[in-house]
Amino acid sequence: MRIPPQNKIRKETSVLKDMKEGFSYVLGYVPLKYIILLLALVSLMGMPYTVLMPVFAKEVLHGGSHTFGFLIGATGLGALAGALYLASRKSVLGLMKIIPLAAGVFGIGLLCFSFSRSFYLSLGILVITGLGMMLQMASSNTMLQTLSDNDKRGRVMSFYTMAFMGTAPFGSILAGELAELIGAPYTIMIGGFSCILGALAFSRKLPNIRRNVIRSS
């Protein structure tokens, strides 16, 4: 990579001031705010399906460790396909549309998986689910870095990490409690519905997001 040298300006500021500035920047810039909010929702409500996978493999599909391994492998296969697709893209144009589309595909995949009682059908569904998951997560990462100002990119990516990894433990606790009350399939179904609703809400905001991107460019 041939990157032209840049002059680094050192600023003497406090950590709290930098955090406050980053928080205000993310909340004040519509594209970044909505990308992070959708990511947090998907991570909170959708990603905990992995925690329930052993229960689903044993109690729903009546399998064992091999069943669990194949289910996880199918998800990984879909994620690999999504990563290869994104790596083949030459620009970020159109990537903003992929974010809600991928979140919707992920949610639909979870919804279908919750109703599946066939091992082979579940494998096919999880390939699609993994594809949607990877496209949404990686596209969000790319757009956040692309849209952020150079001096605030690190702080924006810390919000990405917090939305992606910080909400997942709470989602796992919530999923575990729900699964005990209503069962793993219904818990995954609720997570799928939540992701679909989040994707629809994000899609409705796309015109506003585009206007803000054009205005700031």
N, C-alpha and C. Protein backbone atom coordinates (compact mmCIF):
# COMPACT_ATOMS: atom_id res chain seq x y z
N MET A 1 0.85 -1.19 0.00
CA MET A 1 0.00 0.00 0.00
C MET A 1 0.88 1.24 0.00
N ARG A 2 0.66 2.10 -0.98
CA ARG A 2 1.42 3.34 -1.06
C ARG A 2 0.57 4.48 -0.51
N ILE A 3 0.89 4.88 0.70
CA ILE A 3 0.11 5.91 1.38
C ILE A 3 0.97 7.15 1.54
N PRO A 4 0.50 8.30 1.07
CA PRO A 4 1.30 9.53 1.20
C PRO A 4 1.48 9.89 2.67
N PRO A 5 2.65 10.40 3.05
CA PRO A 5 2.89 10.76 4.46
C PRO A 5 1.98 11.91 4.88
N GLN A 6 1.57 11.86 6.13
CA GLN A 6 0.70 12.89 6.68
C GLN A 6 1.35 13.51 7.91
N ASN A 7 1.12 14.80 8.07
CA ASN A 7 1.63 15.48 9.25
C ASN A 7 0.73 15.18 10.44
N LYS A 8 1.33 14.65 11.49
CA LYS A 8 0.56 14.33 12.69
C LYS A 8 0.59 15.51 13.65
N ILE A 9 -0.60 15.92 14.03
CA ILE A 9 -0.72 17.03 14.97
C ILE A 9 -1.03 16.47 16.35
N ARG A 10 -0.12 16.72 17.28
CA ARG A 10 -0.32 16.22 18.64
C ARG A 10 -1.13 17.24 19.45
N LYS A 11 -2.18 16.76 20.07
CA LYS A 11 -3.02 17.65 20.89
C LYS A 11 -2.95 17.21 22.34
N GLU A 12 -2.80 18.20 23.21
CA GLU A 12 -2.76 17.91 24.65
C GLU A 12 -4.18 18.01 25.19
N THR A 13 -4.87 16.88 25.23
CA THR A 13 -6.24 16.86 25.74
C THR A 13 -6.39 15.73 26.75
N SER A 14 -7.42 15.81 27.55
CA SER A 14 -7.67 14.78 28.55
C SER A 14 -8.45 13.62 27.94
N VAL A 15 -8.37 12.46 28.58
CA VAL A 15 -9.08 11.28 28.11
C VAL A 15 -10.58 11.51 28.15
N LEU A 16 -11.06 12.11 29.23
CA LEU A 16 -12.50 12.36 29.37
C LEU A 16 -13.01 13.31 28.31
N LYS A 17 -12.21 14.30 27.98
CA LYS A 17 -12.61 15.25 26.94
C LYS A 17 -12.67 14.55 25.58
N ASP A 18 -11.69 13.69 25.30
CA ASP A 18 -11.69 12.95 24.04
C ASP A 18 -12.88 12.01 23.95
N MET A 19 -13.22 11.35 25.07
CA MET A 19 -14.37 10.46 25.08
C MET A 19 -15.67 11.23 24.83
N LYS A 20 -15.80 12.37 25.47
CA LYS A 20 -16.99 13.19 25.30
C LYS A 20 -17.11 13.67 23.86
N GLU A 21 -15.97 14.06 23.28
CA GLU A 21 -15.96 14.53 21.89
C GLU A 21 -16.35 13.41 20.93
N GLY A 22 -15.82 12.20 21.17
CA GLY A 22 -16.17 11.06 20.33
C GLY A 22 -17.63 10.69 20.45
N PHE A 23 -18.17 10.74 21.67
CA PHE A 23 -19.58 10.42 21.90
C PHE A 23 -20.47 11.43 21.17
N SER A 24 -20.14 12.71 21.28
CA SER A 24 -20.92 13.74 20.59
C SER A 24 -20.83 13.61 19.08
N TYR A 25 -19.65 13.22 18.59
CA TYR A 25 -19.45 13.06 17.15
C TYR A 25 -20.31 11.94 16.59
N VAL A 26 -20.31 10.79 17.29
CA VAL A 26 -21.08 9.63 16.82
C VAL A 26 -22.57 9.92 16.87
N LEU A 27 -23.05 10.50 17.97
CA LEU A 27 -24.47 10.79 18.09
C LEU A 27 -24.92 11.91 17.16
N GLY A 28 -24.00 12.82 16.84
CA GLY A 28 -24.35 13.96 16.00
C GLY A 28 -24.29 13.69 14.51
N TYR A 29 -23.65 12.60 14.11
CA TYR A 29 -23.52 12.27 12.69
C TYR A 29 -24.46 11.10 12.40
N VAL A 30 -25.54 11.37 11.71
CA VAL A 30 -26.62 10.41 11.50
C VAL A 30 -26.15 9.06 10.95
N PRO A 31 -25.33 9.01 9.89
CA PRO A 31 -24.93 7.69 9.35
C PRO A 31 -24.24 6.81 10.38
N LEU A 32 -23.30 7.38 11.13
CA LEU A 32 -22.59 6.60 12.13
C LEU A 32 -23.53 6.13 13.23
N LYS A 33 -24.41 7.02 13.66
CA LYS A 33 -25.33 6.68 14.75
C LYS A 33 -26.22 5.51 14.40
N TYR A 34 -26.82 5.53 13.20
CA TYR A 34 -27.75 4.47 12.83
C TYR A 34 -27.04 3.14 12.55
N ILE A 35 -25.84 3.21 11.97
CA ILE A 35 -25.08 1.98 11.74
C ILE A 35 -24.77 1.30 13.07
N ILE A 36 -24.31 2.08 14.05
CA ILE A 36 -23.95 1.52 15.35
C ILE A 36 -25.18 1.01 16.09
N LEU A 37 -26.30 1.73 16.00
CA LEU A 37 -27.53 1.29 16.67
C LEU A 37 -28.03 -0.04 16.10
N LEU A 38 -28.01 -0.17 14.77
CA LEU A 38 -28.44 -1.43 14.16
C LEU A 38 -27.49 -2.56 14.54
N LEU A 39 -26.21 -2.28 14.55
CA LEU A 39 -25.22 -3.28 14.94
C LEU A 39 -25.45 -3.75 16.37
N ALA A 40 -25.72 -2.80 17.27
CA ALA A 40 -25.96 -3.14 18.67
C ALA A 40 -27.22 -4.01 18.81
N LEU A 41 -28.27 -3.67 18.05
CA LEU A 41 -29.50 -4.45 18.11
C LEU A 41 -29.27 -5.89 17.63
N VAL A 42 -28.58 -6.02 16.50
CA VAL A 42 -28.31 -7.35 15.95
C VAL A 42 -27.44 -8.17 16.90
N SER A 43 -26.46 -7.53 17.50
CA SER A 43 -25.57 -8.22 18.42
C SER A 43 -26.30 -8.63 19.70
N LEU A 44 -27.22 -7.77 20.15
CA LEU A 44 -27.96 -8.04 21.39
C LEU A 44 -29.01 -9.12 21.19
N MET A 45 -29.77 -9.05 20.10
CA MET A 45 -30.91 -9.93 19.91
C MET A 45 -30.64 -11.11 18.98
N GLY A 46 -29.73 -10.94 18.03
CA GLY A 46 -29.51 -11.98 17.03
C GLY A 46 -28.34 -12.89 17.30
N MET A 47 -27.21 -12.32 17.68
CA MET A 47 -26.00 -13.12 17.86
C MET A 47 -26.07 -14.18 18.95
N PRO A 48 -26.86 -14.00 20.01
CA PRO A 48 -26.92 -15.04 21.04
C PRO A 48 -27.47 -16.38 20.57
N TYR A 49 -27.89 -16.49 19.31
CA TYR A 49 -28.34 -17.79 18.81
C TYR A 49 -27.22 -18.82 18.90
N THR A 50 -25.98 -18.36 18.85
CA THR A 50 -24.85 -19.29 18.96
C THR A 50 -24.79 -19.93 20.34
N VAL A 51 -25.22 -19.19 21.36
CA VAL A 51 -25.22 -19.72 22.72
C VAL A 51 -26.25 -20.84 22.86
N LEU A 52 -27.35 -20.72 22.11
CA LEU A 52 -28.42 -21.71 22.19
C LEU A 52 -28.24 -22.87 21.21
N MET A 53 -27.20 -22.82 20.41
CA MET A 53 -27.00 -23.85 19.40
C MET A 53 -26.85 -25.26 20.00
N PRO A 54 -26.11 -25.44 21.10
CA PRO A 54 -26.04 -26.80 21.67
C PRO A 54 -27.41 -27.33 22.10
N VAL A 55 -28.23 -26.45 22.67
CA VAL A 55 -29.58 -26.86 23.08
C VAL A 55 -30.41 -27.24 21.87
N PHE A 56 -30.29 -26.43 20.81
CA PHE A 56 -31.04 -26.70 19.59
C PHE A 56 -30.59 -28.02 18.97
N ALA A 57 -29.29 -28.25 18.95
CA ALA A 57 -28.75 -29.49 18.35
C ALA A 57 -29.23 -30.73 19.10
N LYS A 58 -29.27 -30.64 20.42
CA LYS A 58 -29.62 -31.82 21.22
C LYS A 58 -31.12 -32.03 21.36
N GLU A 59 -31.84 -30.95 21.74
CA GLU A 59 -33.25 -31.10 22.11
C GLU A 59 -34.21 -30.94 20.94
N VAL A 60 -33.83 -30.14 19.95
CA VAL A 60 -34.73 -29.90 18.81
C VAL A 60 -34.42 -30.86 17.66
N LEU A 61 -33.13 -30.97 17.32
CA LEU A 61 -32.74 -31.83 16.21
C LEU A 61 -32.36 -33.24 16.67
N HIS A 62 -32.36 -33.45 17.99
CA HIS A 62 -32.09 -34.77 18.57
C HIS A 62 -30.77 -35.36 18.08
N GLY A 63 -29.75 -34.51 18.09
CA GLY A 63 -28.42 -34.94 17.68
C GLY A 63 -27.44 -34.86 18.83
N GLY A 64 -26.16 -34.88 18.49
CA GLY A 64 -25.11 -34.82 19.51
C GLY A 64 -24.05 -33.82 19.12
N SER A 65 -22.81 -34.13 19.50
CA SER A 65 -21.70 -33.21 19.24
C SER A 65 -21.45 -33.03 17.74
N HIS A 66 -21.67 -34.11 16.95
CA HIS A 66 -21.47 -34.00 15.51
C HIS A 66 -22.51 -33.05 14.90
N THR A 67 -23.74 -33.14 15.36
CA THR A 67 -24.78 -32.23 14.87
C THR A 67 -24.42 -30.79 15.17
N PHE A 68 -23.98 -30.54 16.39
CA PHE A 68 -23.57 -29.19 16.79
C PHE A 68 -22.42 -28.69 15.92
N GLY A 69 -21.44 -29.54 15.69
CA GLY A 69 -20.29 -29.16 14.88
C GLY A 69 -20.67 -28.80 13.45
N PHE A 70 -21.56 -29.59 12.85
CA PHE A 70 -22.00 -29.29 11.49
C PHE A 70 -22.81 -27.99 11.42
N LEU A 71 -23.61 -27.72 12.44
CA LEU A 71 -24.40 -26.48 12.46
C LEU A 71 -23.49 -25.26 12.53
N ILE A 72 -22.49 -25.33 13.40
CA ILE A 72 -21.53 -24.22 13.50
C ILE A 72 -20.73 -24.09 12.21
N GLY A 73 -20.36 -25.24 11.62
CA GLY A 73 -19.61 -25.22 10.36
C GLY A 73 -20.41 -24.60 9.22
N ALA A 74 -21.72 -24.85 9.19
CA ALA A 74 -22.56 -24.26 8.15
C ALA A 74 -22.60 -22.75 8.29
N THR A 75 -22.69 -22.27 9.53
CA THR A 75 -22.65 -20.82 9.76
C THR A 75 -21.33 -20.23 9.29
N GLY A 76 -20.23 -20.93 9.60
CA GLY A 76 -18.92 -20.47 9.17
C GLY A 76 -18.76 -20.45 7.66
N LEU A 77 -19.36 -21.43 6.99
CA LEU A 77 -19.30 -21.48 5.53
C LEU A 77 -20.00 -20.26 4.92
N GLY A 78 -21.16 -19.91 5.46
CA GLY A 78 -21.87 -18.72 4.98
C GLY A 78 -21.09 -17.45 5.26
N ALA A 79 -20.47 -17.38 6.44
CA ALA A 79 -19.66 -16.21 6.78
C ALA A 79 -18.46 -16.07 5.85
N LEU A 80 -17.84 -17.21 5.51
CA LEU A 80 -16.71 -17.19 4.57
C LEU A 80 -17.15 -16.68 3.21
N ALA A 81 -18.31 -17.12 2.75
CA ALA A 81 -18.82 -16.65 1.46
C ALA A 81 -19.06 -15.15 1.49
N GLY A 82 -19.60 -14.65 2.60
CA GLY A 82 -19.82 -13.21 2.73
C GLY A 82 -18.52 -12.43 2.73
N ALA A 83 -17.51 -12.96 3.42
CA ALA A 83 -16.21 -12.28 3.47
C ALA A 83 -15.56 -12.24 2.09
N LEU A 84 -15.65 -13.33 1.34
CA LEU A 84 -15.08 -13.37 -0.01
C LEU A 84 -15.79 -12.40 -0.94
N TYR A 85 -17.12 -12.28 -0.78
CA TYR A 85 -17.86 -11.34 -1.60
C TYR A 85 -17.42 -9.91 -1.32
N LEU A 86 -17.30 -9.56 -0.06
CA LEU A 86 -16.90 -8.19 0.29
C LEU A 86 -15.47 -7.91 -0.15
N ALA A 87 -14.60 -8.92 -0.06
CA ALA A 87 -13.21 -8.74 -0.49
C ALA A 87 -13.11 -8.53 -1.99
N SER A 88 -14.10 -9.03 -2.75
CA SER A 88 -14.07 -8.89 -4.21
C SER A 88 -14.58 -7.53 -4.67
N ARG A 89 -15.21 -6.78 -3.77
CA ARG A 89 -15.73 -5.46 -4.15
C ARG A 89 -14.59 -4.47 -4.31
N LYS A 90 -14.72 -3.58 -5.29
CA LYS A 90 -13.65 -2.64 -5.58
C LYS A 90 -13.87 -1.28 -4.93
N SER A 91 -15.07 -1.01 -4.43
CA SER A 91 -15.33 0.26 -3.76
C SER A 91 -16.44 0.07 -2.74
N VAL A 92 -16.67 1.13 -1.96
CA VAL A 92 -17.71 1.08 -0.93
C VAL A 92 -19.06 1.54 -1.46
N LEU A 93 -19.14 1.88 -2.74
CA LEU A 93 -20.40 2.33 -3.32
C LEU A 93 -21.45 1.23 -3.22
N GLY A 94 -22.61 1.58 -2.70
CA GLY A 94 -23.69 0.62 -2.55
C GLY A 94 -23.62 -0.21 -1.27
N LEU A 95 -22.56 0.00 -0.49
CA LEU A 95 -22.39 -0.80 0.71
C LEU A 95 -23.41 -0.43 1.79
N MET A 96 -23.85 0.83 1.79
CA MET A 96 -24.83 1.25 2.78
C MET A 96 -26.15 0.50 2.61
N LYS A 97 -26.50 0.16 1.37
CA LYS A 97 -27.73 -0.61 1.13
C LYS A 97 -27.59 -2.04 1.63
N ILE A 98 -26.37 -2.55 1.57
CA ILE A 98 -26.14 -3.94 1.97
C ILE A 98 -26.36 -4.13 3.47
N ILE A 99 -26.09 -3.09 4.26
CA ILE A 99 -26.18 -3.22 5.72
C ILE A 99 -27.58 -3.65 6.17
N PRO A 100 -28.66 -2.92 5.81
CA PRO A 100 -29.98 -3.38 6.24
C PRO A 100 -30.42 -4.67 5.54
N LEU A 101 -30.01 -4.82 4.27
CA LEU A 101 -30.36 -6.04 3.55
C LEU A 101 -29.76 -7.27 4.24
N ALA A 102 -28.49 -7.15 4.62
CA ALA A 102 -27.82 -8.27 5.29
C ALA A 102 -28.42 -8.53 6.66
N ALA A 103 -28.76 -7.47 7.39
CA ALA A 103 -29.40 -7.64 8.70
C ALA A 103 -30.75 -8.34 8.55
N GLY A 104 -31.48 -7.98 7.49
CA GLY A 104 -32.76 -8.64 7.22
C GLY A 104 -32.59 -10.10 6.87
N VAL A 105 -31.58 -10.40 6.04
CA VAL A 105 -31.29 -11.80 5.68
C VAL A 105 -30.91 -12.60 6.93
N PHE A 106 -30.11 -12.01 7.78
CA PHE A 106 -29.72 -12.65 9.04
C PHE A 106 -30.96 -12.94 9.90
N GLY A 107 -31.84 -11.94 10.01
CA GLY A 107 -33.06 -12.13 10.80
C GLY A 107 -33.98 -13.18 10.22
N ILE A 108 -34.15 -13.17 8.90
CA ILE A 108 -34.99 -14.19 8.24
C ILE A 108 -34.39 -15.58 8.42
N GLY A 109 -33.06 -15.66 8.35
CA GLY A 109 -32.39 -16.93 8.57
C GLY A 109 -32.65 -17.48 9.97
N LEU A 110 -32.57 -16.59 10.98
CA LEU A 110 -32.86 -17.02 12.35
C LEU A 110 -34.31 -17.44 12.50
N LEU A 111 -35.19 -16.70 11.85
CA LEU A 111 -36.62 -17.02 11.92
C LEU A 111 -36.90 -18.40 11.33
N CYS A 112 -36.34 -18.67 10.16
CA CYS A 112 -36.54 -19.98 9.51
C CYS A 112 -35.88 -21.09 10.32
N PHE A 113 -34.70 -20.81 10.87
CA PHE A 113 -33.99 -21.80 11.68
C PHE A 113 -34.80 -22.20 12.91
N SER A 114 -35.50 -21.21 13.50
CA SER A 114 -36.29 -21.51 14.70
C SER A 114 -37.43 -22.48 14.42
N PHE A 115 -37.93 -22.49 13.17
CA PHE A 115 -39.04 -23.38 12.81
C PHE A 115 -38.56 -24.73 12.26
N SER A 116 -37.28 -24.81 11.90
CA SER A 116 -36.76 -26.02 11.25
C SER A 116 -36.64 -27.16 12.25
N ARG A 117 -37.04 -28.35 11.81
CA ARG A 117 -36.86 -29.55 12.62
C ARG A 117 -36.09 -30.61 11.83
N SER A 118 -35.55 -30.20 10.71
CA SER A 118 -34.76 -31.08 9.85
C SER A 118 -33.29 -30.68 9.92
N PHE A 119 -32.43 -31.64 10.11
CA PHE A 119 -30.99 -31.37 10.22
C PHE A 119 -30.45 -30.75 8.93
N TYR A 120 -30.76 -31.34 7.80
CA TYR A 120 -30.21 -30.86 6.53
C TYR A 120 -30.79 -29.50 6.14
N LEU A 121 -32.07 -29.30 6.42
CA LEU A 121 -32.67 -27.99 6.17
C LEU A 121 -32.03 -26.93 7.05
N SER A 122 -31.76 -27.28 8.29
CA SER A 122 -31.11 -26.35 9.22
C SER A 122 -29.72 -25.96 8.73
N LEU A 123 -28.99 -26.93 8.16
CA LEU A 123 -27.67 -26.62 7.62
C LEU A 123 -27.75 -25.56 6.52
N GLY A 124 -28.69 -25.75 5.58
CA GLY A 124 -28.86 -24.79 4.49
C GLY A 124 -29.25 -23.42 5.00
N ILE A 125 -30.14 -23.39 5.98
CA ILE A 125 -30.58 -22.11 6.55
C ILE A 125 -29.43 -21.39 7.23
N LEU A 126 -28.60 -22.14 7.95
CA LEU A 126 -27.49 -21.52 8.68
C LEU A 126 -26.40 -20.99 7.76
N VAL A 127 -26.26 -21.56 6.57
CA VAL A 127 -25.33 -21.00 5.59
C VAL A 127 -25.78 -19.58 5.22
N ILE A 128 -27.08 -19.42 4.98
CA ILE A 128 -27.64 -18.11 4.65
C ILE A 128 -27.54 -17.16 5.85
N THR A 129 -27.79 -17.70 7.03
CA THR A 129 -27.70 -16.90 8.25
C THR A 129 -26.28 -16.37 8.46
N GLY A 130 -25.30 -17.23 8.29
CA GLY A 130 -23.90 -16.81 8.43
C GLY A 130 -23.50 -15.78 7.39
N LEU A 131 -24.04 -15.94 6.18
CA LEU A 131 -23.77 -14.96 5.12
C LEU A 131 -24.29 -13.59 5.52
N GLY A 132 -25.55 -13.54 5.97
CA GLY A 132 -26.13 -12.26 6.39
C GLY A 132 -25.39 -11.65 7.55
N MET A 133 -24.99 -12.48 8.51
CA MET A 133 -24.26 -11.99 9.68
C MET A 133 -22.95 -11.32 9.28
N MET A 134 -22.16 -12.01 8.46
CA MET A 134 -20.86 -11.47 8.06
C MET A 134 -21.00 -10.21 7.22
N LEU A 135 -21.94 -10.20 6.28
CA LEU A 135 -22.14 -9.02 5.44
C LEU A 135 -22.51 -7.80 6.26
N GLN A 136 -23.37 -8.00 7.25
CA GLN A 136 -23.80 -6.87 8.06
C GLN A 136 -22.68 -6.35 8.95
N MET A 137 -21.99 -7.24 9.62
CA MET A 137 -20.92 -6.84 10.53
C MET A 137 -19.76 -6.18 9.78
N ALA A 138 -19.30 -6.83 8.72
CA ALA A 138 -18.14 -6.31 7.98
C ALA A 138 -18.48 -5.05 7.21
N SER A 139 -19.68 -4.97 6.63
CA SER A 139 -20.09 -3.76 5.91
C SER A 139 -20.19 -2.58 6.86
N SER A 140 -20.72 -2.82 8.05
CA SER A 140 -20.81 -1.77 9.06
C SER A 140 -19.42 -1.28 9.44
N ASN A 141 -18.50 -2.20 9.65
CA ASN A 141 -17.11 -1.85 9.98
C ASN A 141 -16.50 -0.97 8.89
N THR A 142 -16.66 -1.40 7.64
CA THR A 142 -16.08 -0.66 6.51
C THR A 142 -16.67 0.74 6.39
N MET A 143 -17.99 0.86 6.51
CA MET A 143 -18.62 2.16 6.36
C MET A 143 -18.27 3.10 7.51
N LEU A 144 -18.16 2.57 8.70
CA LEU A 144 -17.79 3.41 9.84
C LEU A 144 -16.39 4.00 9.65
N GLN A 145 -15.46 3.16 9.18
CA GLN A 145 -14.11 3.66 8.96
C GLN A 145 -14.04 4.63 7.79
N THR A 146 -14.85 4.38 6.77
CA THR A 146 -14.84 5.23 5.58
C THR A 146 -15.43 6.61 5.87
N LEU A 147 -16.49 6.65 6.66
CA LEU A 147 -17.21 7.90 6.90
C LEU A 147 -16.61 8.74 8.03
N SER A 148 -15.78 8.13 8.88
CA SER A 148 -15.25 8.84 10.04
C SER A 148 -14.13 9.79 9.64
N ASP A 149 -14.03 10.90 10.36
CA ASP A 149 -12.88 11.80 10.20
C ASP A 149 -11.63 11.10 10.71
N ASN A 150 -10.49 11.45 10.15
CA ASN A 150 -9.24 10.78 10.51
C ASN A 150 -8.94 10.86 12.00
N ASP A 151 -9.19 12.03 12.60
CA ASP A 151 -8.82 12.22 14.00
C ASP A 151 -9.82 11.58 14.97
N LYS A 152 -10.93 11.07 14.44
CA LYS A 152 -11.94 10.47 15.32
C LYS A 152 -12.19 8.99 14.99
N ARG A 153 -11.47 8.46 14.03
CA ARG A 153 -11.73 7.09 13.58
C ARG A 153 -11.52 6.07 14.70
N GLY A 154 -10.48 6.26 15.49
CA GLY A 154 -10.22 5.32 16.58
C GLY A 154 -11.36 5.29 17.59
N ARG A 155 -11.89 6.47 17.91
CA ARG A 155 -12.99 6.54 18.87
C ARG A 155 -14.28 5.96 18.29
N VAL A 156 -14.49 6.19 17.00
CA VAL A 156 -15.68 5.61 16.35
C VAL A 156 -15.59 4.09 16.37
N MET A 157 -14.41 3.54 16.11
CA MET A 157 -14.26 2.09 16.10
C MET A 157 -14.37 1.49 17.50
N SER A 158 -14.10 2.30 18.51
CA SER A 158 -14.33 1.80 19.87
C SER A 158 -15.82 1.65 20.13
N PHE A 159 -16.63 2.54 19.53
CA PHE A 159 -18.09 2.40 19.63
C PHE A 159 -18.55 1.16 18.86
N TYR A 160 -17.90 0.90 17.73
CA TYR A 160 -18.22 -0.32 16.97
C TYR A 160 -17.95 -1.56 17.82
N THR A 161 -16.79 -1.59 18.46
CA THR A 161 -16.44 -2.73 19.31
C THR A 161 -17.42 -2.88 20.47
N MET A 162 -17.79 -1.73 21.06
CA MET A 162 -18.73 -1.76 22.17
C MET A 162 -20.10 -2.27 21.71
N ALA A 163 -20.55 -1.82 20.53
CA ALA A 163 -21.85 -2.25 20.02
C ALA A 163 -21.83 -3.72 19.62
N PHE A 164 -20.72 -4.17 19.06
CA PHE A 164 -20.61 -5.54 18.55
C PHE A 164 -20.34 -6.54 19.67
N MET A 165 -19.31 -6.27 20.48
CA MET A 165 -18.89 -7.22 21.50
C MET A 165 -19.44 -6.90 22.88
N GLY A 166 -19.69 -5.61 23.13
CA GLY A 166 -20.14 -5.21 24.46
C GLY A 166 -21.57 -5.61 24.77
N THR A 167 -22.42 -5.67 23.75
CA THR A 167 -23.83 -6.02 23.99
C THR A 167 -24.06 -7.53 23.95
N ALA A 168 -23.15 -8.27 23.34
CA ALA A 168 -23.34 -9.72 23.19
C ALA A 168 -23.49 -10.46 24.51
N PRO A 169 -22.68 -10.16 25.56
CA PRO A 169 -22.88 -10.88 26.84
C PRO A 169 -24.27 -10.65 27.44
N PHE A 170 -24.77 -9.41 27.32
CA PHE A 170 -26.11 -9.13 27.84
C PHE A 170 -27.16 -9.89 27.03
N GLY A 171 -26.92 -9.97 25.72
CA GLY A 171 -27.83 -10.73 24.86
C GLY A 171 -27.83 -12.20 25.21
N SER A 172 -26.67 -12.73 25.57
CA SER A 172 -26.58 -14.15 25.94
C SER A 172 -27.34 -14.42 27.23
N ILE A 173 -27.22 -13.50 28.18
CA ILE A 173 -27.96 -13.66 29.45
C ILE A 173 -29.46 -13.61 29.18
N LEU A 174 -29.86 -12.63 28.36
CA LEU A 174 -31.29 -12.50 28.02
C LEU A 174 -31.80 -13.74 27.29
N ALA A 175 -31.00 -14.24 26.34
CA ALA A 175 -31.40 -15.42 25.57
C ALA A 175 -31.52 -16.65 26.47
N GLY A 176 -30.59 -16.78 27.41
CA GLY A 176 -30.64 -17.90 28.33
C GLY A 176 -31.89 -17.89 29.20
N GLU A 177 -32.23 -16.70 29.71
CA GLU A 177 -33.44 -16.57 30.54
C GLU A 177 -34.69 -16.85 29.72
N LEU A 178 -34.74 -16.30 28.50
CA LEU A 178 -35.92 -16.52 27.65
C LEU A 178 -36.06 -17.99 27.26
N ALA A 179 -34.92 -18.61 26.94
CA ALA A 179 -34.96 -20.02 26.54
C ALA A 179 -35.49 -20.90 27.65
N GLU A 180 -35.17 -20.54 28.89
CA GLU A 180 -35.67 -21.32 30.02
C GLU A 180 -37.17 -21.16 30.19
N LEU A 181 -37.67 -19.97 29.82
CA LEU A 181 -39.10 -19.69 29.99
C LEU A 181 -39.94 -20.21 28.82
N ILE A 182 -39.48 -19.95 27.58
CA ILE A 182 -40.31 -20.25 26.41
C ILE A 182 -39.65 -21.25 25.45
N GLY A 183 -38.42 -21.64 25.72
CA GLY A 183 -37.74 -22.60 24.86
C GLY A 183 -36.80 -21.94 23.86
N ALA A 184 -35.79 -22.67 23.41
CA ALA A 184 -34.79 -22.14 22.49
C ALA A 184 -35.37 -21.71 21.13
N PRO A 185 -36.26 -22.50 20.51
CA PRO A 185 -36.79 -22.09 19.20
C PRO A 185 -37.51 -20.74 19.23
N TYR A 186 -38.35 -20.52 20.24
CA TYR A 186 -39.07 -19.26 20.33
C TYR A 186 -38.14 -18.09 20.64
N THR A 187 -37.10 -18.37 21.41
CA THR A 187 -36.11 -17.33 21.72
C THR A 187 -35.38 -16.89 20.45
N ILE A 188 -34.97 -17.85 19.63
CA ILE A 188 -34.31 -17.54 18.36
C ILE A 188 -35.27 -16.82 17.43
N MET A 189 -36.55 -17.21 17.45
CA MET A 189 -37.56 -16.56 16.62
C MET A 189 -37.70 -15.08 17.00
N ILE A 190 -37.73 -14.78 18.29
CA ILE A 190 -37.82 -13.39 18.75
C ILE A 190 -36.60 -12.60 18.30
N GLY A 191 -35.43 -13.22 18.39
CA GLY A 191 -34.20 -12.56 17.92
C GLY A 191 -34.25 -12.26 16.44
N GLY A 192 -34.78 -13.21 15.65
CA GLY A 192 -34.91 -12.99 14.20
C GLY A 192 -35.86 -11.86 13.88
N PHE A 193 -37.01 -11.83 14.56
CA PHE A 193 -37.97 -10.74 14.35
C PHE A 193 -37.35 -9.39 14.69
N SER A 194 -36.59 -9.34 15.77
CA SER A 194 -35.96 -8.08 16.19
C SER A 194 -34.99 -7.58 15.13
N CYS A 195 -34.21 -8.49 14.55
CA CYS A 195 -33.26 -8.10 13.50
C CYS A 195 -33.98 -7.59 12.25
N ILE A 196 -35.08 -8.25 11.90
CA ILE A 196 -35.86 -7.83 10.73
C ILE A 196 -36.45 -6.44 10.95
N LEU A 197 -37.01 -6.20 12.14
CA LEU A 197 -37.58 -4.89 12.44
C LEU A 197 -36.50 -3.81 12.42
N GLY A 198 -35.32 -4.13 12.96
CA GLY A 198 -34.21 -3.19 12.93
C GLY A 198 -33.77 -2.86 11.51
N ALA A 199 -33.73 -3.89 10.65
CA ALA A 199 -33.36 -3.69 9.25
C ALA A 199 -34.37 -2.81 8.53
N LEU A 200 -35.66 -3.02 8.79
CA LEU A 200 -36.71 -2.20 8.17
C LEU A 200 -36.61 -0.75 8.64
N ALA A 201 -36.35 -0.56 9.93
CA ALA A 201 -36.21 0.81 10.46
C ALA A 201 -35.02 1.51 9.84
N PHE A 202 -33.90 0.78 9.68
CA PHE A 202 -32.71 1.36 9.06
C PHE A 202 -32.99 1.72 7.60
N SER A 203 -33.71 0.86 6.90
CA SER A 203 -34.02 1.11 5.49
C SER A 203 -34.83 2.39 5.33
N ARG A 204 -35.74 2.63 6.26
CA ARG A 204 -36.55 3.85 6.20
C ARG A 204 -35.69 5.11 6.40
N LYS A 205 -34.57 4.95 7.09
CA LYS A 205 -33.68 6.08 7.35
C LYS A 205 -32.64 6.29 6.25
N LEU A 206 -32.58 5.38 5.27
CA LEU A 206 -31.54 5.47 4.24
C LEU A 206 -31.51 6.80 3.49
N PRO A 207 -32.69 7.36 3.07
CA PRO A 207 -32.64 8.66 2.39
C PRO A 207 -32.00 9.75 3.25
N ASN A 208 -32.34 9.76 4.54
CA ASN A 208 -31.76 10.75 5.46
C ASN A 208 -30.27 10.51 5.63
N ILE A 209 -29.87 9.23 5.68
CA ILE A 209 -28.45 8.89 5.82
C ILE A 209 -27.68 9.36 4.59
N ARG A 210 -28.24 9.13 3.40
CA ARG A 210 -27.55 9.55 2.17
C ARG A 210 -27.39 11.08 2.13
N ARG A 211 -28.43 11.78 2.53
CA ARG A 211 -28.36 13.26 2.53
C ARG A 211 -27.24 13.74 3.44
N ASN A 212 -27.09 13.12 4.58
CA ASN A 212 -26.05 13.52 5.52
C ASN A 212 -24.66 13.18 5.00
N VAL A 213 -24.54 12.04 4.29
CA VAL A 213 -23.24 11.66 3.73
C VAL A 213 -22.84 12.65 2.64
N ILE A 214 -23.80 13.01 1.77
CA ILE A 214 -23.52 13.95 0.68
C ILE A 214 -23.18 15.33 1.24
N ARG A 215 -23.90 15.73 2.27
CA ARG A 215 -23.67 17.06 2.87
C ARG A 215 -22.30 17.17 3.49
N SER A 216 -21.80 16.06 4.06
CA SER A 216 -20.51 16.10 4.74
C SER A 216 -19.33 15.83 3.83
N SER A 217 -19.61 15.36 2.59
CA SER A 217 -18.52 15.02 1.68
C SER A 217 -18.02 16.24 0.92
